[in-house]
Amino acid sequence: MLICILSLISFLIATVFECWPVDFSWKGWDGEQHWGKCTNINVQGWTNAAANIAMDLVIIALPLPQLVNLHLPLRKKIFVCFMFSIGFL
């Protein structure tokens, strides 16, 4: 949970300060001459997407070791692990 929250906060900060000065984000599009520089929003979006996918896969895989240790027949263990692994799709 902490990693997800820290990721959210870091992406929020990166989005707010994507342009320097910050007001260049909305003033840079009005057609007038303004000084400023912005980061590549596409790279930021793809990086955030990759980080979220990685966190999702880790979160889905977290219960699998505990499921393997359940006192169930092998067939039921396989079905329970399969049921939890559906999230990978």
PDB file of N, CA and C in Angstrom:
ATOM      1  N   MET A   1       0.816  -1.185   0.000  1.00  0.00           N
ATOM      2  CA  MET A   1       0.000   0.000   0.000  1.00  0.00           C
ATOM      3  C   MET A   1       0.865   1.255   0.000  1.00  0.00           C
ATOM      4  N   LEU A   2       1.925   1.217   0.790  1.00  0.00           N
ATOM      5  CA  LEU A   2       2.803   2.381   0.879  1.00  0.00           C
ATOM      6  C   LEU A   2       3.436   2.702  -0.476  1.00  0.00           C
ATOM      7  N   ILE A   3       3.862   1.670  -1.186  1.00  0.00           N
ATOM      8  CA  ILE A   3       4.462   1.897  -2.507  1.00  0.00           C
ATOM      9  C   ILE A   3       3.435   2.489  -3.465  1.00  0.00           C
ATOM     10  N   CYS A   4       2.200   2.022  -3.411  1.00  0.00           N
ATOM     11  CA  CYS A   4       1.149   2.572  -4.278  1.00  0.00           C
ATOM     12  C   CYS A   4       0.875   4.035  -3.933  1.00  0.00           C
ATOM     13  N   ILE A   5       0.815   4.356  -2.649  1.00  0.00           N
ATOM     14  CA  ILE A   5       0.556   5.736  -2.238  1.00  0.00           C
ATOM     15  C   ILE A   5       1.717   6.639  -2.625  1.00  0.00           C
ATOM     16  N   LEU A   6       2.949   6.174  -2.415  1.00  0.00           N
ATOM     17  CA  LEU A   6       4.117   6.974  -2.800  1.00  0.00           C
ATOM     18  C   LEU A   6       4.175   7.178  -4.313  1.00  0.00           C
ATOM     19  N   SER A   7       3.788   6.169  -5.063  1.00  0.00           N
ATOM     20  CA  SER A   7       3.740   6.300  -6.514  1.00  0.00           C
ATOM     21  C   SER A   7       2.706   7.338  -6.927  1.00  0.00           C
ATOM     22  N   LEU A   8       1.549   7.303  -6.293  1.00  0.00           N
ATOM     23  CA  LEU A   8       0.509   8.291  -6.576  1.00  0.00           C
ATOM     24  C   LEU A   8       1.005   9.701  -6.284  1.00  0.00           C
ATOM     25  N   ILE A   9       1.628   9.892  -5.131  1.00  0.00           N
ATOM     26  CA  ILE A   9       2.112  11.218  -4.752  1.00  0.00           C
ATOM     27  C   ILE A   9       3.196  11.693  -5.717  1.00  0.00           C
ATOM     28  N   SER A  10       4.116  10.803  -6.074  1.00  0.00           N
ATOM     29  CA  SER A  10       5.188  11.211  -6.989  1.00  0.00           C
ATOM     30  C   SER A  10       4.645  11.550  -8.373  1.00  0.00           C
ATOM     31  N   PHE A  11       3.669  10.800  -8.870  1.00  0.00           N
ATOM     32  CA  PHE A  11       3.077  11.118 -10.171  1.00  0.00           C
ATOM     33  C   PHE A  11       2.308  12.433 -10.110  1.00  0.00           C
ATOM     34  N   LEU A  12       1.627  12.675  -8.998  1.00  0.00           N
ATOM     35  CA  LEU A  12       0.897  13.924  -8.835  1.00  0.00           C
ATOM     36  C   LEU A  12       1.851  15.118  -8.833  1.00  0.00           C
ATOM     37  N   ILE A  13       2.946  15.000  -8.107  1.00  0.00           N
ATOM     38  CA  ILE A  13       3.933  16.077  -8.071  1.00  0.00           C
ATOM     39  C   ILE A  13       4.555  16.276  -9.448  1.00  0.00           C
ATOM     40  N   ALA A  14       4.872  15.183 -10.130  1.00  0.00           N
ATOM     41  CA  ALA A  14       5.458  15.288 -11.469  1.00  0.00           C
ATOM     42  C   ALA A  14       4.483  15.940 -12.446  1.00  0.00           C
ATOM     43  N   THR A  15       3.191  15.677 -12.279  1.00  0.00           N
ATOM     44  CA  THR A  15       2.200  16.270 -13.162  1.00  0.00           C
ATOM     45  C   THR A  15       2.018  17.760 -12.884  1.00  0.00           C
ATOM     46  N   VAL A  16       1.987  18.115 -11.610  1.00  0.00           N
ATOM     47  CA  VAL A  16       1.808  19.526 -11.257  1.00  0.00           C
ATOM     48  C   VAL A  16       2.994  20.355 -11.734  1.00  0.00           C
ATOM     49  N   PHE A  17       4.205  19.808 -11.579  1.00  0.00           N
ATOM     50  CA  PHE A  17       5.400  20.554 -11.940  1.00  0.00           C
ATOM     51  C   PHE A  17       5.999  20.097 -13.268  1.00  0.00           C
ATOM     52  N   GLU A  18       5.144  19.670 -14.215  1.00  0.00           N
ATOM     53  CA  GLU A  18       5.649  19.224 -15.508  1.00  0.00           C
ATOM     54  C   GLU A  18       6.206  20.372 -16.334  1.00  0.00           C
ATOM     55  N   CYS A  19       5.763  21.579 -16.061  1.00  0.00           N
ATOM     56  CA  CYS A  19       6.285  22.765 -16.748  1.00  0.00           C
ATOM     57  C   CYS A  19       6.929  23.699 -15.734  1.00  0.00           C
ATOM     58  N   TRP A  20       7.972  24.381 -16.196  1.00  0.00           N
ATOM     59  CA  TRP A  20       8.622  25.372 -15.340  1.00  0.00           C
ATOM     60  C   TRP A  20       8.731  26.678 -16.090  1.00  0.00           C
ATOM     61  N   PRO A  21       8.158  27.727 -15.654  1.00  0.00           N
ATOM     62  CA  PRO A  21       7.340  27.897 -14.459  1.00  0.00           C
ATOM     63  C   PRO A  21       6.005  27.166 -14.607  1.00  0.00           C
ATOM     64  N   VAL A  22       5.383  26.895 -13.481  1.00  0.00           N
ATOM     65  CA  VAL A  22       4.184  26.059 -13.465  1.00  0.00           C
ATOM     66  C   VAL A  22       3.070  26.654 -14.329  1.00  0.00           C
ATOM     67  N   ASP A  23       2.918  27.975 -14.331  1.00  0.00           N
ATOM     68  CA  ASP A  23       1.836  28.574 -15.116  1.00  0.00           C
ATOM     69  C   ASP A  23       2.063  28.462 -16.624  1.00  0.00           C
ATOM     70  N   PHE A  24       3.238  28.018 -17.048  1.00  0.00           N
ATOM     71  CA  PHE A  24       3.479  27.802 -18.478  1.00  0.00           C
ATOM     72  C   PHE A  24       2.599  26.677 -19.028  1.00  0.00           C
ATOM     73  N   SER A  25       2.108  25.780 -18.148  1.00  0.00           N
ATOM     74  CA  SER A  25       1.230  24.700 -18.606  1.00  0.00           C
ATOM     75  C   SER A  25      -0.029  25.238 -19.251  1.00  0.00           C
ATOM     76  N   TRP A  26      -0.573  26.312 -18.723  1.00  0.00           N
ATOM     77  CA  TRP A  26      -1.789  26.863 -19.323  1.00  0.00           C
ATOM     78  C   TRP A  26      -1.532  28.132 -20.130  1.00  0.00           C
ATOM     79  N   LYS A  27      -0.425  28.828 -19.877  1.00  0.00           N
ATOM     80  CA  LYS A  27      -0.135  30.021 -20.662  1.00  0.00           C
ATOM     81  C   LYS A  27       0.610  29.692 -21.955  1.00  0.00           C
ATOM     82  N   GLY A  28       1.256  28.540 -22.013  1.00  0.00           N
ATOM     83  CA  GLY A  28       2.044  28.188 -23.185  1.00  0.00           C
ATOM     84  C   GLY A  28       1.220  27.896 -24.421  1.00  0.00           C
ATOM     85  N   TRP A  29      -0.087  27.786 -24.281  1.00  0.00           N
ATOM     86  CA  TRP A  29      -0.951  27.414 -25.402  1.00  0.00           C
ATOM     87  C   TRP A  29      -1.776  28.572 -25.940  1.00  0.00           C
ATOM     88  N   ASP A  30      -1.616  29.780 -25.414  1.00  0.00           N
ATOM     89  CA  ASP A  30      -2.486  30.875 -25.823  1.00  0.00           C
ATOM     90  C   ASP A  30      -1.991  31.624 -27.057  1.00  0.00           C
ATOM     91  N   GLY A  31      -0.878  31.209 -27.621  1.00  0.00           N
ATOM     92  CA  GLY A  31      -0.388  31.819 -28.842  1.00  0.00           C
ATOM     93  C   GLY A  31       0.501  33.032 -28.623  1.00  0.00           C
ATOM     94  N   GLU A  32       0.616  33.495 -27.397  1.00  0.00           N
ATOM     95  CA  GLU A  32       1.491  34.624 -27.105  1.00  0.00           C
ATOM     96  C   GLU A  32       2.883  34.108 -26.740  1.00  0.00           C
ATOM     97  N   GLN A  33       3.829  35.023 -26.674  1.00  0.00           N
ATOM     98  CA  GLN A  33       5.201  34.646 -26.367  1.00  0.00           C
ATOM     99  C   GLN A  33       5.373  34.507 -24.852  1.00  0.00           C
ATOM    100  N   HIS A  34       5.697  33.302 -24.400  1.00  0.00           N
ATOM    101  CA  HIS A  34       5.965  33.047 -22.982  1.00  0.00           C
ATOM    102  C   HIS A  34       7.249  32.249 -22.881  1.00  0.00           C
ATOM    103  N   TRP A  35       7.953  32.441 -21.776  1.00  0.00           N
ATOM    104  CA  TRP A  35       9.164  31.671 -21.528  1.00  0.00           C
ATOM    105  C   TRP A  35       8.815  30.509 -20.624  1.00  0.00           C
ATOM    106  N   GLY A  36       9.289  29.336 -20.964  1.00  0.00           N
ATOM    107  CA  GLY A  36       9.063  28.168 -20.119  1.00  0.00           C
ATOM    108  C   GLY A  36       9.512  26.899 -20.814  1.00  0.00           C
ATOM    109  N   LYS A  37       9.506  25.839 -20.056  1.00  0.00           N
ATOM    110  CA  LYS A  37       9.912  24.532 -20.578  1.00  0.00           C
ATOM    111  C   LYS A  37       9.081  23.457 -19.904  1.00  0.00           C
ATOM    112  N   CYS A  38       8.626  22.474 -20.676  1.00  0.00           N
ATOM    113  CA  CYS A  38       7.826  21.371 -20.139  1.00  0.00           C
ATOM    114  C   CYS A  38       8.528  20.043 -20.407  1.00  0.00           C
ATOM    115  N   THR A  39       8.263  19.098 -19.544  1.00  0.00           N
ATOM    116  CA  THR A  39       8.779  17.749 -19.762  1.00  0.00           C
ATOM    117  C   THR A  39       7.922  17.058 -20.813  1.00  0.00           C
ATOM    118  N   ASN A  40       8.377  15.915 -21.267  1.00  0.00           N
ATOM    119  CA  ASN A  40       7.636  15.148 -22.261  1.00  0.00           C
ATOM    120  C   ASN A  40       6.496  14.409 -21.554  1.00  0.00           C
ATOM    121  N   ILE A  41       5.271  14.836 -21.795  1.00  0.00           N
ATOM    122  CA  ILE A  41       4.105  14.254 -21.129  1.00  0.00           C
ATOM    123  C   ILE A  41       3.872  12.806 -21.551  1.00  0.00           C
ATOM    124  N   ASN A  42       4.282  12.449 -22.780  1.00  0.00           N
ATOM    125  CA  ASN A  42       4.120  11.066 -23.238  1.00  0.00           C
ATOM    126  C   ASN A  42       5.020  10.122 -22.451  1.00  0.00           C
ATOM    127  N   VAL A  43       6.261  10.534 -22.223  1.00  0.00           N
ATOM    128  CA  VAL A  43       7.168   9.694 -21.434  1.00  0.00           C
ATOM    129  C   VAL A  43       6.635   9.538 -20.022  1.00  0.00           C
ATOM    130  N   GLN A  44       6.117  10.618 -19.468  1.00  0.00           N
ATOM    131  CA  GLN A  44       5.569  10.565 -18.118  1.00  0.00           C
ATOM    132  C   GLN A  44       4.373   9.603 -18.058  1.00  0.00           C
ATOM    133  N   GLY A  45       3.505   9.665 -19.034  1.00  0.00           N
ATOM    134  CA  GLY A  45       2.345   8.774 -19.069  1.00  0.00           C
ATOM    135  C   GLY A  45       2.731   7.318 -19.224  1.00  0.00           C
ATOM    136  N   TRP A  46       3.667   7.037 -20.137  1.00  0.00           N
ATOM    137  CA  TRP A  46       4.110   5.653 -20.333  1.00  0.00           C
ATOM    138  C   TRP A  46       4.836   5.111 -19.104  1.00  0.00           C
ATOM    139  N   THR A  47       5.625   5.953 -18.461  1.00  0.00           N
ATOM    140  CA  THR A  47       6.326   5.531 -17.248  1.00  0.00           C
ATOM    141  C   THR A  47       5.336   5.215 -16.138  1.00  0.00           C
ATOM    142  N   ASN A  48       4.340   6.062 -15.988  1.00  0.00           N
ATOM    143  CA  ASN A  48       3.322   5.813 -14.974  1.00  0.00           C
ATOM    144  C   ASN A  48       2.549   4.530 -15.273  1.00  0.00           C
ATOM    145  N   ALA A  49       2.224   4.305 -16.541  1.00  0.00           N
ATOM    146  CA  ALA A  49       1.506   3.087 -16.918  1.00  0.00           C
ATOM    147  C   ALA A  49       2.335   1.845 -16.622  1.00  0.00           C
ATOM    148  N   ALA A  50       3.624   1.888 -16.947  1.00  0.00           N
ATOM    149  CA  ALA A  50       4.496   0.736 -16.688  1.00  0.00           C
ATOM    150  C   ALA A  50       4.623   0.476 -15.191  1.00  0.00           C
ATOM    151  N   ALA A  51       4.763   1.531 -14.404  1.00  0.00           N
ATOM    152  CA  ALA A  51       4.861   1.363 -12.954  1.00  0.00           C
ATOM    153  C   ALA A  51       3.570   0.783 -12.381  1.00  0.00           C
ATOM    154  N   ASN A  52       2.425   1.245 -12.878  1.00  0.00           N
ATOM    155  CA  ASN A  52       1.147   0.717 -12.397  1.00  0.00           C
ATOM    156  C   ASN A  52       0.948  -0.742 -12.785  1.00  0.00           C
ATOM    157  N   ILE A  53       1.352  -1.117 -13.984  1.00  0.00           N
ATOM    158  CA  ILE A  53       1.245  -2.520 -14.400  1.00  0.00           C
ATOM    159  C   ILE A  53       2.130  -3.397 -13.527  1.00  0.00           C
ATOM    160  N   ALA A  54       3.346  -2.945 -13.260  1.00  0.00           N
ATOM    161  CA  ALA A  54       4.258  -3.712 -12.408  1.00  0.00           C
ATOM    162  C   ALA A  54       3.685  -3.866 -10.997  1.00  0.00           C
ATOM    163  N   MET A  55       3.138  -2.788 -10.450  1.00  0.00           N
ATOM    164  CA  MET A  55       2.539  -2.880  -9.108  1.00  0.00           C
ATOM    165  C   MET A  55       1.323  -3.801  -9.111  1.00  0.00           C
ATOM    166  N   ASP A  56       0.517  -3.761 -10.157  1.00  0.00           N
ATOM    167  CA  ASP A  56      -0.641  -4.648 -10.253  1.00  0.00           C
ATOM    168  C   ASP A  56      -0.213  -6.111 -10.274  1.00  0.00           C
ATOM    169  N   LEU A  57       0.822  -6.416 -11.036  1.00  0.00           N
ATOM    170  CA  LEU A  57       1.295  -7.801 -11.101  1.00  0.00           C
ATOM    171  C   LEU A  57       1.833  -8.278  -9.752  1.00  0.00           C
ATOM    172  N   VAL A  58       2.528  -7.410  -9.054  1.00  0.00           N
ATOM    173  CA  VAL A  58       3.041  -7.778  -7.723  1.00  0.00           C
ATOM    174  C   VAL A  58       1.882  -8.003  -6.760  1.00  0.00           C
ATOM    175  N   ILE A  59       0.881  -7.124  -6.804  1.00  0.00           N
ATOM    176  CA  ILE A  59      -0.260  -7.254  -5.901  1.00  0.00           C
ATOM    177  C   ILE A  59      -1.037  -8.540  -6.191  1.00  0.00           C
ATOM    178  N   ILE A  60      -1.169  -8.886  -7.462  1.00  0.00           N
ATOM    179  CA  ILE A  60      -1.868 -10.128  -7.818  1.00  0.00           C
ATOM    180  C   ILE A  60      -1.072 -11.344  -7.350  1.00  0.00           C
ATOM    181  N   ALA A  61       0.250 -11.283  -7.435  1.00  0.00           N
ATOM    182  CA  ALA A  61       1.090 -12.424  -7.069  1.00  0.00           C
ATOM    183  C   ALA A  61       1.289 -12.566  -5.560  1.00  0.00           C
ATOM    184  N   LEU A  62       0.978 -11.545  -4.775  1.00  0.00           N
ATOM    185  CA  LEU A  62       1.220 -11.609  -3.330  1.00  0.00           C
ATOM    186  C   LEU A  62       0.562 -12.801  -2.628  1.00  0.00           C
ATOM    187  N   PRO A  63      -0.702 -13.129  -2.879  1.00  0.00           N
ATOM    188  CA  PRO A  63      -1.305 -14.232  -2.121  1.00  0.00           C
ATOM    189  C   PRO A  63      -0.912 -15.630  -2.601  1.00  0.00           C
ATOM    190  N   LEU A  64      -0.271 -15.757  -3.753  1.00  0.00           N
ATOM    191  CA  LEU A  64       0.004 -17.091  -4.298  1.00  0.00           C
ATOM    192  C   LEU A  64       0.876 -17.959  -3.397  1.00  0.00           C
ATOM    193  N   PRO A  65       1.951 -17.466  -2.767  1.00  0.00           N
ATOM    194  CA  PRO A  65       2.719 -18.341  -1.872  1.00  0.00           C
ATOM    195  C   PRO A  65       1.910 -18.850  -0.675  1.00  0.00           C
ATOM    196  N   GLN A  66       1.003 -18.010  -0.158  1.00  0.00           N
ATOM    197  CA  GLN A  66       0.165 -18.463   0.951  1.00  0.00           C
ATOM    198  C   GLN A  66      -0.848 -19.505   0.482  1.00  0.00           C
ATOM    199  N   LEU A  67      -1.311 -19.387  -0.744  1.00  0.00           N
ATOM    200  CA  LEU A  67      -2.274 -20.355  -1.267  1.00  0.00           C
ATOM    201  C   LEU A  67      -1.632 -21.722  -1.462  1.00  0.00           C
ATOM    202  N   VAL A  68      -0.359 -21.738  -1.815  1.00  0.00           N
ATOM    203  CA  VAL A  68       0.345 -23.004  -2.012  1.00  0.00           C
ATOM    204  C   VAL A  68       0.467 -23.752  -0.690  1.00  0.00           C
ATOM    205  N   ASN A  69       0.560 -23.023   0.421  1.00  0.00           N
ATOM    206  CA  ASN A  69       0.722 -23.656   1.733  1.00  0.00           C
ATOM    207  C   ASN A  69      -0.587 -24.101   2.363  1.00  0.00           C
ATOM    208  N   LEU A  70      -1.710 -23.924   1.698  1.00  0.00           N
ATOM    209  CA  LEU A  70      -2.988 -24.372   2.244  1.00  0.00           C
ATOM    210  C   LEU A  70      -3.029 -25.894   2.323  1.00  0.00           C
ATOM    211  N   HIS A  71      -3.741 -26.387   3.303  1.00  0.00           N
ATOM    212  CA  HIS A  71      -3.894 -27.843   3.461  1.00  0.00           C
ATOM    213  C   HIS A  71      -5.100 -28.303   2.644  1.00  0.00           C
ATOM    214  N   LEU A  72      -4.875 -28.386   1.348  1.00  0.00           N
ATOM    215  CA  LEU A  72      -5.906 -28.812   0.405  1.00  0.00           C
ATOM    216  C   LEU A  72      -5.313 -29.854  -0.531  1.00  0.00           C
ATOM    217  N   PRO A  73      -6.171 -30.659  -1.142  1.00  0.00           N
ATOM    218  CA  PRO A  73      -5.661 -31.563  -2.175  1.00  0.00           C
ATOM    219  C   PRO A  73      -5.044 -30.760  -3.320  1.00  0.00           C
ATOM    220  N   LEU A  74      -4.118 -31.382  -4.020  1.00  0.00           N
ATOM    221  CA  LEU A  74      -3.390 -30.706  -5.088  1.00  0.00           C
ATOM    222  C   LEU A  74      -4.330 -30.103  -6.131  1.00  0.00           C
ATOM    223  N   ARG A  75      -5.360 -30.833  -6.490  1.00  0.00           N
ATOM    224  CA  ARG A  75      -6.297 -30.346  -7.506  1.00  0.00           C
ATOM    225  C   ARG A  75      -6.969 -29.052  -7.060  1.00  0.00           C
ATOM    226  N   LYS A  76      -7.385 -28.993  -5.801  1.00  0.00           N
ATOM    227  CA  LYS A  76      -8.040 -27.789  -5.291  1.00  0.00           C
ATOM    228  C   LYS A  76      -7.038 -26.630  -5.176  1.00  0.00           C
ATOM    229  N   LYS A  77      -5.797 -26.925  -4.804  1.00  0.00           N
ATOM    230  CA  LYS A  77      -4.770 -25.878  -4.747  1.00  0.00           C
ATOM    231  C   LYS A  77      -4.571 -25.252  -6.125  1.00  0.00           C
ATOM    232  N   ILE A  78      -4.516 -26.096  -7.142  1.00  0.00           N
ATOM    233  CA  ILE A  78      -4.325 -25.599  -8.507  1.00  0.00           C
ATOM    234  C   ILE A  78      -5.497 -24.717  -8.912  1.00  0.00           C
ATOM    235  N   PHE A  79      -6.726 -25.148  -8.600  1.00  0.00           N
ATOM    236  CA  PHE A  79      -7.896 -24.355  -8.953  1.00  0.00           C
ATOM    237  C   PHE A  79      -7.938 -23.029  -8.195  1.00  0.00           C
ATOM    238  N   VAL A  80      -7.578 -23.043  -6.923  1.00  0.00           N
ATOM    239  CA  VAL A  80      -7.576 -21.803  -6.135  1.00  0.00           C
ATOM    240  C   VAL A  80      -6.506 -20.856  -6.659  1.00  0.00           C
ATOM    241  N   CYS A  81      -5.309 -21.360  -6.949  1.00  0.00           N
ATOM    242  CA  CYS A  81      -4.261 -20.514  -7.519  1.00  0.00           C
ATOM    243  C   CYS A  81      -4.662 -19.965  -8.885  1.00  0.00           C
ATOM    244  N   PHE A  82      -5.334 -20.798  -9.678  1.00  0.00           N
ATOM    245  CA  PHE A  82      -5.812 -20.347 -10.981  1.00  0.00           C
ATOM    246  C   PHE A  82      -6.842 -19.238 -10.820  1.00  0.00           C
ATOM    247  N   MET A  83      -7.745 -19.399  -9.842  1.00  0.00           N
ATOM    248  CA  MET A  83      -8.772 -18.397  -9.611  1.00  0.00           C
ATOM    249  C   MET A  83      -8.140 -17.048  -9.223  1.00  0.00           C
ATOM    250  N   PHE A  84      -7.139 -17.066  -8.357  1.00  0.00           N
ATOM    251  CA  PHE A  84      -6.468 -15.830  -7.977  1.00  0.00           C
ATOM    252  C   PHE A  84      -5.632 -15.266  -9.128  1.00  0.00           C
ATOM    253  N   SER A  85      -5.173 -16.120 -10.033  1.00  0.00           N
ATOM    254  CA  SER A  85      -4.325 -15.672 -11.138  1.00  0.00           C
ATOM    255  C   SER A  85      -5.121 -15.125 -12.317  1.00  0.00           C
ATOM    256  N   ILE A  86      -6.434 -15.206 -12.284  1.00  0.00           N
ATOM    257  CA  ILE A  86      -7.265 -14.672 -13.353  1.00  0.00           C
ATOM    258  C   ILE A  86      -6.997 -13.173 -13.543  1.00  0.00           C
ATOM    259  N   GLY A  87      -6.612 -12.485 -12.480  1.00  0.00           N
ATOM    260  CA  GLY A  87      -6.332 -11.055 -12.564  1.00  0.00           C
ATOM    261  C   GLY A  87      -5.207 -10.717 -13.516  1.00  0.00           C
ATOM    262  N   PHE A  88      -4.323 -11.679 -13.814  1.00  0.00           N
ATOM    263  CA  PHE A  88      -3.248 -11.421 -14.784  1.00  0.00           C
ATOM    264  C   PHE A  88      -3.799 -11.127 -16.177  1.00  0.00           C
ATOM    265  N   LEU A  89      -4.989 -11.643 -16.459  1.00  0.00           N
ATOM    266  CA  LEU A  89      -5.576 -11.399 -17.785  1.00  0.00           C
ATOM    267  C   LEU A  89      -6.013  -9.971 -17.910  1.00  0.00           C
TER     268      LEU A  89
END
